[in-house]
N, C-alpha and C. Protein backbone atom coordinates (compact mmCIF):
# COMPACT_ATOMS: atom_id res chain seq x y z
N UNK A 1 0.85 -1.17 -0.12
CA UNK A 1 -0.25 0.19 0.01
C UNK A 1 0.63 1.29 -0.25
N UNK A 2 0.42 2.01 -0.87
CA UNK A 2 1.46 3.44 -0.73
C UNK A 2 0.62 4.43 0.11
N UNK A 3 1.79 4.93 0.87
CA UNK A 3 1.40 5.87 2.03
C UNK A 3 2.16 7.13 1.40
N UNK A 4 1.84 8.34 2.25
CA UNK A 4 2.55 9.55 2.34
C UNK A 4 3.97 9.45 2.03
N UNK A 5 4.51 8.41 2.95
CA UNK A 5 6.16 8.46 3.39
C UNK A 5 6.56 7.76 2.03
N UNK A 6 5.63 7.34 1.04
CA UNK A 6 6.40 6.47 -0.34
C UNK A 6 6.49 7.63 -1.46
N UNK A 7 5.81 8.64 -1.24
CA UNK A 7 5.77 9.82 -2.44
C UNK A 7 7.05 10.73 -1.99
N UNK A 8 7.82 10.94 -3.16
CA UNK A 8 8.80 11.52 -3.05
C UNK A 8 8.51 13.01 -3.17
N UNK A 9 9.25 13.99 -2.54
CA UNK A 9 9.16 15.23 -2.54
C UNK A 9 9.89 16.28 -3.53
N UNK A 10 9.44 17.34 -3.81
CA UNK A 10 10.66 18.24 -4.54
C UNK A 10 11.82 18.39 -4.26
N UNK A 11 12.62 18.37 -5.05
CA UNK A 11 14.42 18.47 -4.39
C UNK A 11 14.69 16.89 -4.99
N UNK A 12 13.85 15.72 -4.96
CA UNK A 12 14.42 14.21 -5.48
C UNK A 12 14.68 14.60 -6.94
N UNK A 13 16.01 13.89 -7.25
CA UNK A 13 16.17 13.95 -8.83
C UNK A 13 15.17 13.08 -9.54
N UNK A 14 14.61 12.33 -9.16
CA UNK A 14 13.67 11.54 -10.00
C UNK A 14 12.49 12.40 -10.89
N UNK A 15 12.09 13.52 -9.83
CA UNK A 15 11.00 14.24 -10.22
C UNK A 15 11.51 15.22 -11.55
N UNK A 16 12.76 15.28 -11.58
CA UNK A 16 13.20 16.20 -12.59
C UNK A 16 14.00 15.01 -13.74
N UNK A 17 13.43 13.88 -13.83
CA UNK A 17 13.95 12.89 -15.05
C UNK A 17 12.83 12.30 -15.83
N UNK A 18 13.02 12.29 -16.99
CA UNK A 18 12.21 11.79 -17.88
C UNK A 18 11.92 10.29 -17.78
N UNK A 19 10.85 9.69 -17.29
CA UNK A 19 10.62 8.61 -17.22
C UNK A 19 10.82 7.75 -18.51
N UNK A 20 10.95 6.34 -18.37
CA UNK A 20 11.43 5.65 -19.46
C UNK A 20 9.96 4.57 -20.06
N UNK A 21 9.98 4.74 -21.23
CA UNK A 21 8.84 3.75 -21.71
C UNK A 21 8.72 2.49 -21.21
N UNK A 22 7.58 1.78 -21.23
CA UNK A 22 7.22 0.55 -20.87
C UNK A 22 7.07 -0.36 -21.91
N UNK A 23 7.34 -1.55 -21.44
CA UNK A 23 7.33 -2.50 -22.44
C UNK A 23 6.15 -3.63 -22.05
N UNK A 24 5.53 -4.32 -22.87
CA UNK A 24 4.25 -5.04 -22.66
C UNK A 24 4.83 -6.47 -22.99
N UNK A 25 4.49 -7.79 -22.33
CA UNK A 25 3.39 -7.58 -21.17
C UNK A 25 4.22 -7.04 -19.86
N UNK A 26 3.44 -6.52 -19.07
CA UNK A 26 4.01 -5.82 -17.94
C UNK A 26 4.33 -6.85 -16.83
N UNK A 27 5.36 -6.59 -16.11
CA UNK A 27 5.73 -7.59 -15.38
C UNK A 27 4.67 -7.38 -14.09
N UNK A 28 4.73 -8.54 -13.04
CA UNK A 28 3.86 -8.53 -11.90
C UNK A 28 4.12 -7.19 -11.25
N UNK A 29 5.10 -7.09 -10.96
CA UNK A 29 5.75 -5.70 -10.09
C UNK A 29 5.09 -4.58 -10.76
N UNK A 30 5.26 -4.23 -11.99
CA UNK A 30 4.49 -3.21 -12.63
C UNK A 30 3.19 -3.09 -12.39
N UNK A 31 2.48 -4.38 -12.59
CA UNK A 31 0.82 -4.36 -12.68
C UNK A 31 0.58 -4.19 -11.04
N UNK A 32 1.47 -4.43 -10.17
CA UNK A 32 1.24 -4.17 -8.71
C UNK A 32 1.20 -2.69 -8.05
N UNK A 33 2.47 -2.13 -9.02
CA UNK A 33 2.50 -0.64 -8.82
C UNK A 33 1.52 0.20 -9.26
N UNK A 34 0.96 -0.24 -10.58
CA UNK A 34 -0.10 0.28 -11.11
C UNK A 34 -1.37 0.40 -10.15
N UNK A 35 -1.72 -1.00 -9.92
CA UNK A 35 -2.67 -1.08 -8.91
C UNK A 35 -2.65 0.04 -7.66
N UNK A 36 -1.46 -0.32 -6.98
CA UNK A 36 -1.20 0.43 -5.76
C UNK A 36 -1.32 1.81 -5.87
N UNK A 37 -0.77 2.47 -7.11
CA UNK A 37 -1.35 4.00 -7.21
C UNK A 37 -2.57 4.28 -7.46
N UNK A 38 -3.41 3.53 -8.24
CA UNK A 38 -4.88 3.66 -8.21
C UNK A 38 -5.70 3.90 -6.91
N UNK A 39 -5.27 2.61 -6.36
CA UNK A 39 -5.69 2.44 -4.84
C UNK A 39 -5.22 3.68 -3.88
N UNK A 40 -4.20 4.18 -3.84
CA UNK A 40 -3.79 5.42 -3.34
C UNK A 40 -4.68 6.57 -3.37
N UNK A 41 -5.10 6.75 -4.78
CA UNK A 41 -5.86 7.88 -5.14
C UNK A 41 -7.18 7.45 -4.53
N UNK A 42 -7.74 6.30 -4.72
CA UNK A 42 -8.90 6.19 -4.17
C UNK A 42 -9.05 6.13 -2.65
N UNK A 43 -8.28 5.53 -1.99
CA UNK A 43 -7.94 5.74 -0.69
C UNK A 43 -8.18 7.19 0.04
N UNK A 44 -7.35 7.80 -0.60
CA UNK A 44 -6.89 9.63 -0.39
C UNK A 44 -8.11 10.23 -0.55
N UNK A 45 -9.16 9.90 -1.48
CA UNK A 45 -10.73 10.45 -1.48
C UNK A 45 -11.65 10.00 -0.50
N UNK A 46 -11.36 8.94 0.16
CA UNK A 46 -12.05 8.13 1.30
C UNK A 46 -11.58 9.00 2.47
N UNK A 47 -12.91 9.68 3.04
CA UNK A 47 -12.33 10.42 4.35
C UNK A 47 -12.00 9.54 5.24
N UNK A 48 -12.73 8.40 5.72
CA UNK A 48 -12.21 7.51 6.36
C UNK A 48 -10.83 6.93 6.24
N UNK A 49 -10.64 6.33 5.25
CA UNK A 49 -9.35 5.93 4.62
C UNK A 49 -8.31 6.80 4.82
N UNK A 50 -8.67 8.06 4.27
CA UNK A 50 -7.58 9.05 4.28
C UNK A 50 -7.11 9.76 5.77
N UNK A 51 -8.10 9.53 6.53
CA UNK A 51 -7.86 9.93 8.14
C UNK A 51 -6.95 8.87 8.54
N UNK A 52 -7.60 7.64 8.24
CA UNK A 52 -6.59 6.36 9.08
C UNK A 52 -5.44 6.31 8.63
N UNK A 53 -5.14 6.76 7.44
CA UNK A 53 -3.76 6.31 6.86
C UNK A 53 -3.01 7.68 6.68
N UNK A 54 -3.45 8.70 7.12
CA UNK A 54 -2.83 10.14 6.69
C UNK A 54 -2.35 10.43 5.54
N UNK A 55 -3.32 10.27 4.45
CA UNK A 55 -3.10 10.49 3.36
C UNK A 55 -3.66 12.02 2.91
N UNK A 56 -2.79 12.66 1.95
CA UNK A 56 -3.30 13.77 1.54
C UNK A 56 -4.24 13.35 0.14
N UNK A 57 -5.40 14.23 0.18
CA UNK A 57 -6.24 13.76 -1.26
C UNK A 57 -5.47 14.06 -2.26
N UNK A 58 -5.61 13.30 -3.35
CA UNK A 58 -5.18 13.25 -4.75
C UNK A 58 -5.90 12.85 -5.96
N UNK A 59 -6.05 13.34 -7.03
CA UNK A 59 -6.59 12.86 -8.37
C UNK A 59 -5.81 12.05 -9.19
N UNK A 60 -4.41 12.49 -9.27
CA UNK A 60 -3.27 12.01 -10.07
C UNK A 60 -2.30 11.45 -9.26
N UNK A 61 -1.47 10.59 -9.64
CA UNK A 61 -0.32 10.13 -9.03
C UNK A 61 0.79 9.31 -10.46
N UNK A 62 1.74 9.89 -10.58
CA UNK A 62 2.78 9.74 -11.60
C UNK A 62 3.73 8.42 -10.86
N UNK A 63 4.07 7.54 -11.81
CA UNK A 63 5.01 6.55 -11.00
C UNK A 63 6.46 7.22 -10.64
N UNK A 64 7.09 8.20 -11.00
CA UNK A 64 7.92 8.81 -10.59
C UNK A 64 8.05 9.28 -9.27
N UNK A 65 6.53 9.78 -8.58
CA UNK A 65 6.47 10.42 -7.55
C UNK A 65 6.56 9.47 -6.49
N UNK A 66 6.65 8.03 -6.61
CA UNK A 66 6.79 7.12 -5.87
C UNK A 66 8.27 6.26 -6.07
N UNK A 67 9.01 7.06 -6.70
CA UNK A 67 10.43 6.67 -7.27
C UNK A 67 10.45 5.52 -7.95
N UNK A 68 9.69 5.55 -9.11
CA UNK A 68 9.89 4.40 -10.24
C UNK A 68 9.85 5.42 -11.54
N UNK A 69 11.03 5.06 -12.39
CA UNK A 69 11.03 5.86 -13.30
C UNK A 69 10.31 5.31 -14.50
N UNK A 70 9.11 4.97 -14.77
CA UNK A 70 8.32 4.25 -15.39
C UNK A 70 7.28 5.38 -16.07
N UNK A 71 6.91 5.37 -17.53
CA UNK A 71 6.02 5.94 -18.06
C UNK A 71 4.63 5.53 -17.78
N UNK A 72 4.25 6.12 -16.82
CA UNK A 72 2.84 5.54 -16.29
C UNK A 72 2.28 6.32 -14.91
N UNK A 73 0.96 6.88 -15.04
CA UNK A 73 -0.01 7.28 -14.14
C UNK A 73 -1.08 6.91 -13.73
N UNK A 74 -1.53 7.32 -12.75
CA UNK A 74 -3.27 6.79 -12.26
C UNK A 74 -4.05 8.43 -12.32
N UNK A 75 -5.21 8.22 -12.65
CA UNK A 75 -5.95 9.42 -12.52
C UNK A 75 -7.29 8.58 -11.77
N UNK A 76 -7.72 9.51 -11.00
CA UNK A 76 -9.01 9.16 -10.31
C UNK A 76 -9.64 10.30 -10.02
N UNK A 77 -11.04 10.46 -10.70
CA UNK A 77 -11.71 11.85 -10.56
C UNK A 77 -12.93 11.69 -11.37
N UNK A 78 -13.86 12.76 -11.06
CA UNK A 78 -15.16 12.72 -11.89
C UNK A 78 -15.07 13.81 -12.91
N UNK A 79 -15.44 13.79 -14.19
CA UNK A 79 -15.67 14.65 -15.21
C UNK A 79 -16.85 15.70 -14.72
N UNK A 80 -16.92 16.57 -15.68
CA UNK A 80 -17.68 17.67 -15.88
C UNK A 80 -19.34 17.22 -15.86
N UNK A 81 -19.44 15.77 -16.15
CA UNK A 81 -20.83 15.08 -16.45
C UNK A 81 -20.93 14.64 -15.24
N UNK A 82 -20.09 14.38 -14.22
CA UNK A 82 -20.19 13.82 -13.03
C UNK A 82 -19.73 12.27 -13.06
N UNK A 83 -19.20 11.90 -14.01
CA UNK A 83 -18.93 10.62 -14.61
C UNK A 83 -17.54 10.10 -13.94
N UNK A 84 -17.51 8.91 -13.22
CA UNK A 84 -16.07 8.64 -12.67
C UNK A 84 -15.16 8.29 -13.58
N UNK A 85 -13.99 8.85 -13.51
CA UNK A 85 -12.65 8.57 -14.54
C UNK A 85 -11.54 7.70 -13.54
N UNK A 86 -11.22 6.53 -13.83
CA UNK A 86 -10.45 5.99 -12.83
C UNK A 86 -9.51 4.85 -13.71
N UNK A 87 -8.51 5.28 -13.99
CA UNK A 87 -7.85 4.46 -14.91
C UNK A 87 -6.25 4.50 -14.61
N UNK A 88 -5.46 3.59 -15.10
CA UNK A 88 -3.99 4.01 -15.05
C UNK A 88 -3.56 4.04 -16.83
N UNK A 89 -2.64 4.99 -16.87
CA UNK A 89 -2.24 5.44 -18.09
C UNK A 89 -0.79 4.80 -18.46
N UNK A 90 -0.48 4.05 -19.40
CA UNK A 90 0.97 3.65 -19.46
C UNK A 90 1.38 4.15 -20.98
N UNK A 91 2.58 4.72 -20.99
CA UNK A 91 3.03 5.50 -22.03
C UNK A 91 1.94 6.57 -22.86
N UNK A 92 1.64 7.39 -22.13
CA UNK A 92 0.69 8.23 -22.30
C UNK A 92 1.27 9.28 -23.25
N UNK A 93 0.38 9.91 -24.22
CA UNK A 93 0.89 10.89 -25.29
C UNK A 93 -0.46 11.52 -25.64
N UNK A 94 -0.33 13.31 -25.81
CA UNK A 94 -1.34 13.90 -26.06
C UNK A 94 -1.18 13.83 -27.72
N UNK A 95 -2.13 13.50 -28.31
CA UNK A 95 -2.21 13.37 -29.69
C UNK A 95 -2.74 14.82 -30.55
N UNK A 96 -3.57 15.44 -29.66
CA UNK A 96 -4.01 16.74 -30.31
C UNK A 96 -4.64 17.64 -29.12
N UNK A 97 -4.68 19.08 -29.44
CA UNK A 97 -5.18 19.74 -28.33
C UNK A 97 -5.76 20.94 -28.81
N UNK A 98 -6.68 21.49 -28.07
CA UNK A 98 -7.32 22.63 -28.31
C UNK A 98 -6.43 23.92 -28.52
N UNK A 99 -6.23 24.97 -29.03
CA UNK A 99 -5.95 26.29 -29.02
C UNK A 99 -6.20 26.85 -27.82
N UNK A 100 -7.56 26.87 -27.28
CA UNK A 100 -7.85 27.46 -26.05
C UNK A 100 -7.17 26.79 -24.91
N UNK A 101 -6.92 27.80 -24.12
CA UNK A 101 -6.40 27.27 -22.71
C UNK A 101 -7.21 27.40 -21.53
N UNK A 102 -6.77 26.73 -20.47
CA UNK A 102 -7.42 27.08 -19.18
C UNK A 102 -6.64 26.87 -18.11
N UNK A 103 -7.05 27.26 -16.86
CA UNK A 103 -6.04 27.07 -15.88
C UNK A 103 -7.34 27.13 -14.59
N UNK A 104 -6.72 26.53 -13.38
CA UNK A 104 -7.31 26.36 -12.15
C UNK A 104 -7.19 27.81 -11.70
N UNK A 105 -8.24 28.74 -11.29
CA UNK A 105 -8.17 29.82 -10.54
C UNK A 105 -7.47 29.80 -9.17
N UNK A 106 -7.51 28.72 -8.56
CA UNK A 106 -7.06 28.64 -6.98
C UNK A 106 -5.54 28.00 -7.17
N UNK A 107 -5.13 27.86 -8.35
CA UNK A 107 -3.92 27.08 -8.67
C UNK A 107 -3.84 25.52 -8.55
N UNK A 108 -2.62 25.20 -9.00
CA UNK A 108 -2.57 23.63 -8.84
C UNK A 108 -1.85 22.99 -7.64
N UNK A 109 -1.97 21.85 -7.27
CA UNK A 109 -1.40 21.30 -6.07
C UNK A 109 -0.64 20.10 -6.60
N UNK A 110 0.13 19.47 -5.76
CA UNK A 110 0.88 18.20 -6.41
C UNK A 110 1.27 17.48 -4.72
N UNK A 111 1.06 16.15 -5.08
CA UNK A 111 1.42 15.52 -3.78
C UNK A 111 2.98 15.54 -3.37
N UNK A 112 3.71 15.98 -4.45
CA UNK A 112 4.97 15.95 -4.19
C UNK A 112 5.75 17.34 -3.82
N UNK A 113 4.67 18.36 -3.69
CA UNK A 113 5.02 19.61 -3.36
C UNK A 113 4.31 20.09 -2.29
N UNK A 114 5.18 20.07 -1.18
CA UNK A 114 4.46 20.64 0.60
C UNK A 114 4.04 21.89 0.68
N UNK A 115 4.11 22.52 -0.41
CA UNK A 115 3.91 24.33 -0.20
C UNK A 115 3.02 24.64 -1.04
N UNK A 116 1.94 25.92 -0.72
CA UNK A 116 1.39 26.28 -1.89
C UNK A 116 2.25 27.10 -2.71
N UNK A 117 2.00 26.87 -4.01
CA UNK A 117 2.50 27.75 -4.93
C UNK A 117 1.54 28.70 -6.01
N UNK A 118 1.53 29.74 -5.41
CA UNK A 118 0.33 30.50 -6.18
C UNK A 118 0.62 30.92 -7.62
N UNK A 119 -0.05 30.94 -8.47
CA UNK A 119 -0.05 31.42 -9.88
C UNK A 119 -1.08 30.50 -10.56
N UNK A 120 -1.31 31.01 -11.79
CA UNK A 120 -1.85 30.34 -12.80
C UNK A 120 -1.11 29.39 -13.76
N UNK A 121 -1.29 27.93 -13.76
CA UNK A 121 -0.83 27.15 -14.59
C UNK A 121 -1.59 26.88 -16.00
N UNK A 122 -1.11 27.66 -17.05
CA UNK A 122 -1.84 27.24 -18.55
C UNK A 122 -1.71 25.73 -18.78
N UNK A 123 -2.74 25.35 -19.25
CA UNK A 123 -3.16 24.12 -19.74
C UNK A 123 -4.08 24.22 -20.75
N UNK A 124 -3.88 23.05 -21.82
CA UNK A 124 -5.03 23.11 -22.94
C UNK A 124 -6.32 22.83 -22.42
N UNK A 125 -7.36 23.48 -22.91
CA UNK A 125 -8.82 23.04 -22.36
C UNK A 125 -9.33 22.04 -22.77
N UNK A 126 -8.66 21.34 -24.12
CA UNK A 126 -9.27 20.01 -24.20
C UNK A 126 -8.05 19.08 -24.99
N UNK A 127 -8.16 18.02 -24.84
CA UNK A 127 -6.91 17.30 -25.26
C UNK A 127 -7.61 15.88 -25.96
N UNK A 128 -6.96 15.15 -26.73
CA UNK A 128 -7.13 13.88 -27.21
C UNK A 128 -5.83 13.42 -26.90
N UNK A 129 -5.96 12.09 -26.22
CA UNK A 129 -4.62 11.44 -25.58
C UNK A 129 -4.64 9.93 -26.00
N UNK A 130 -3.62 9.18 -26.15
CA UNK A 130 -3.39 7.72 -26.59
C UNK A 130 -2.51 7.37 -25.32
N UNK A 131 -3.01 6.06 -24.69
CA UNK A 131 -2.08 5.29 -23.78
C UNK A 131 -2.48 3.82 -23.97
N UNK A 132 -1.66 3.32 -23.30
CA UNK A 132 -1.98 1.68 -23.19
C UNK A 132 -2.56 1.18 -21.61
N UNK A 133 -3.52 0.60 -21.57
CA UNK A 133 -3.99 -0.02 -20.40
C UNK A 133 -2.89 -0.94 -19.68
N UNK A 134 -3.03 -1.29 -18.37
CA UNK A 134 -2.08 -2.47 -17.91
C UNK A 134 -2.05 -3.91 -18.56
N UNK A 135 -3.10 -3.77 -19.35
CA UNK A 135 -3.10 -5.08 -20.15
C UNK A 135 -2.59 -5.04 -21.73
N UNK A 136 -2.30 -3.80 -21.83
CA UNK A 136 -1.81 -3.48 -23.18
C UNK A 136 -2.56 -2.97 -24.24
N UNK A 137 -4.06 -2.86 -23.71
CA UNK A 137 -5.07 -2.46 -24.74
C UNK A 137 -4.85 -0.80 -24.98
N UNK A 138 -4.92 -0.43 -26.47
CA UNK A 138 -4.38 0.86 -26.62
C UNK A 138 -5.76 1.73 -26.44
N UNK A 139 -5.74 2.70 -25.68
CA UNK A 139 -7.06 3.72 -25.57
C UNK A 139 -6.72 4.99 -26.14
N UNK A 140 -7.86 5.42 -26.96
CA UNK A 140 -8.00 7.16 -27.46
C UNK A 140 -8.79 7.32 -26.51
N UNK A 141 -8.69 8.81 -25.77
CA UNK A 141 -9.82 9.20 -25.13
C UNK A 141 -9.77 10.76 -25.31
N UNK A 142 -10.69 11.45 -25.23
CA UNK A 142 -10.96 13.05 -25.12
C UNK A 142 -11.18 13.38 -23.78
N UNK A 143 -10.50 14.59 -23.55
CA UNK A 143 -10.64 15.06 -22.02
C UNK A 143 -10.77 16.69 -22.06
N UNK A 144 -11.76 17.33 -21.03
CA UNK A 144 -11.87 18.66 -20.84
C UNK A 144 -12.06 18.87 -19.48
N UNK A 145 -11.79 20.10 -19.49
CA UNK A 145 -11.86 20.34 -17.82
C UNK A 145 -10.97 19.95 -16.91
N UNK A 146 -11.05 19.70 -15.92
CA UNK A 146 -10.22 18.91 -14.87
C UNK A 146 -9.62 17.46 -15.31
N UNK A 147 -10.31 16.54 -15.91
CA UNK A 147 -9.49 15.67 -16.48
C UNK A 147 -8.62 16.03 -17.10
N UNK A 148 -8.70 16.80 -18.30
CA UNK A 148 -7.73 17.33 -19.05
C UNK A 148 -6.55 17.86 -18.37
N UNK A 149 -6.97 18.91 -17.20
CA UNK A 149 -5.67 19.23 -16.77
C UNK A 149 -4.95 18.49 -15.95
N UNK A 150 -5.74 17.69 -15.24
CA UNK A 150 -5.07 16.55 -14.26
C UNK A 150 -4.04 15.69 -15.23
N UNK A 151 -4.46 15.33 -16.58
CA UNK A 151 -3.81 14.51 -17.60
C UNK A 151 -2.40 15.10 -17.83
N UNK A 152 -2.79 16.51 -18.26
CA UNK A 152 -1.39 17.15 -18.45
C UNK A 152 -0.35 17.42 -17.44
N UNK A 153 -1.11 17.34 -16.24
CA UNK A 153 -0.19 17.37 -14.75
C UNK A 153 0.72 16.15 -14.85
N UNK A 154 -0.10 15.32 -14.87
CA UNK A 154 0.59 13.82 -14.54
C UNK A 154 1.54 13.69 -15.65
N UNK A 155 1.46 14.20 -17.06
CA UNK A 155 2.22 13.58 -18.37
C UNK A 155 3.50 14.53 -18.08
N UNK A 156 3.37 15.71 -17.46
CA UNK A 156 4.49 16.66 -17.22
C UNK A 156 5.34 15.99 -16.34
N UNK A 157 4.68 15.45 -15.16
CA UNK A 157 5.75 14.50 -14.20
C UNK A 157 6.55 13.59 -14.85
N UNK A 158 6.34 12.89 -15.86
CA UNK A 158 6.89 11.78 -16.61
C UNK A 158 7.74 12.51 -17.58
N UNK A 159 7.75 13.71 -17.76
CA UNK A 159 8.66 14.35 -18.49
C UNK A 159 9.97 15.14 -17.45
N UNK A 160 9.47 15.08 -16.26
CA UNK A 160 10.48 15.71 -15.26
C UNK A 160 10.19 17.29 -15.20
N UNK A 161 8.87 17.54 -15.47
CA UNK A 161 8.45 18.73 -15.36
C UNK A 161 7.33 18.99 -14.16
N UNK A 162 7.44 20.09 -13.06
CA UNK A 162 6.73 20.26 -12.12
C UNK A 162 5.60 21.39 -12.53
N UNK A 163 4.27 21.47 -11.98
CA UNK A 163 3.08 22.37 -12.51
C UNK A 163 3.78 23.94 -12.14
N UNK A 164 4.63 24.13 -11.33
CA UNK A 164 5.10 25.49 -11.12
C UNK A 164 6.15 26.12 -12.18
N UNK A 165 6.52 25.04 -12.83
CA UNK A 165 7.52 25.21 -13.97
C UNK A 165 6.51 26.12 -15.11
N UNK A 166 5.56 25.91 -15.27
CA UNK A 166 4.61 26.82 -16.11
C UNK A 166 4.23 27.87 -15.70
N UNK A 167 4.37 28.40 -14.35
CA UNK A 167 3.82 29.69 -13.84
C UNK A 167 4.76 31.07 -14.10
N UNK A 168 4.17 31.92 -14.62
CA UNK A 168 4.82 33.22 -14.99
C UNK A 168 5.64 33.57 -13.63
N UNK A 169 6.92 33.77 -13.76
CA UNK A 169 7.78 34.21 -12.44
C UNK A 169 7.33 35.72 -12.18
N UNK A 170 7.51 36.56 -13.33
CA UNK A 170 7.21 37.91 -13.31
C UNK A 170 5.78 38.27 -12.83
N UNK A 171 4.83 37.58 -13.13
CA UNK A 171 3.51 37.93 -12.78
C UNK A 171 2.76 36.70 -12.72
N UNK A 172 2.80 35.91 -11.47
CA UNK A 172 2.15 34.51 -11.50
C UNK A 172 0.53 34.53 -11.91
N UNK A 173 -0.07 35.67 -11.55
CA UNK A 173 -1.31 35.80 -11.83
C UNK A 173 -1.74 36.67 -13.24
N UNK A 174 -0.95 36.62 -14.23
CA UNK A 174 -1.01 37.37 -15.30
C UNK A 174 -2.01 36.53 -16.09
N UNK A 175 -2.97 37.38 -17.01
CA UNK A 175 -3.85 36.77 -17.80
C UNK A 175 -3.22 36.00 -19.09
N UNK A 176 -3.80 34.93 -19.29
CA UNK A 176 -3.14 34.03 -20.06
C UNK A 176 -4.15 34.05 -21.40
N UNK A 177 -3.53 34.32 -22.36
CA UNK A 177 -4.34 34.84 -23.89
C UNK A 177 -5.02 33.46 -24.01
N UNK A 178 -6.03 33.67 -24.80
CA UNK A 178 -6.96 32.53 -24.98
C UNK A 178 -7.54 31.31 -24.09
N UNK A 179 -7.50 31.81 -22.96
CA UNK A 179 -7.63 30.83 -21.75
C UNK A 179 -9.08 31.26 -21.04
N UNK A 180 -9.81 30.54 -20.68
CA UNK A 180 -10.70 30.37 -19.80
C UNK A 180 -10.58 29.68 -18.36
N UNK A 181 -10.65 30.31 -17.29
CA UNK A 181 -10.52 29.49 -16.12
C UNK A 181 -11.40 28.38 -15.93
N UNK A 182 -10.70 27.42 -15.18
CA UNK A 182 -11.82 26.55 -14.93
C UNK A 182 -12.10 26.71 -13.34
N UNK A 183 -13.18 26.27 -13.27
CA UNK A 183 -13.66 26.75 -11.77
C UNK A 183 -14.25 25.53 -11.14
N UNK A 184 -13.65 25.14 -9.76
CA UNK A 184 -13.86 23.78 -9.41
C UNK A 184 -15.42 24.28 -8.50
N UNK A 185 -16.11 23.23 -8.67
CA UNK A 185 -17.43 23.18 -8.08
C UNK A 185 -17.46 22.88 -6.64
């Protein structure tokens, strides 16, 4: 079971390293890591489990955040229609995106960053992504709103990028051209 103590924090070199492509079939160890990452997110959003295990709530978790340099992340959240999205993406790629951008008005957070970093993080408002499931099935999905933002945040992790790298240093709350804020409800 993944706990907060297993999540590496900013300053750890793996967070600045590009994760390595995975090959199929996955090893039992990789399958277990995928299941454990998704279970962390599920537990972290369950009030009772989060309190019992002292978990910070999260909607996404990349393998390098648990010190594994693999191109894999888990997402567990609801989309704009209230549909539950819960999956592990292996070797994910964005194949197309909107010109329009978005950002979370209150800023982004990260399980590997133990401090608030104020500022807008520009993201594509809509993306089409391809990835493989743990069973090696190719998936192509479209995301918008929070799922699109979360997918891009986790994909950045796999490329050694942290969310605050996108914040305008001179003016963290500068208006972003062609962007509409995403407002959490």
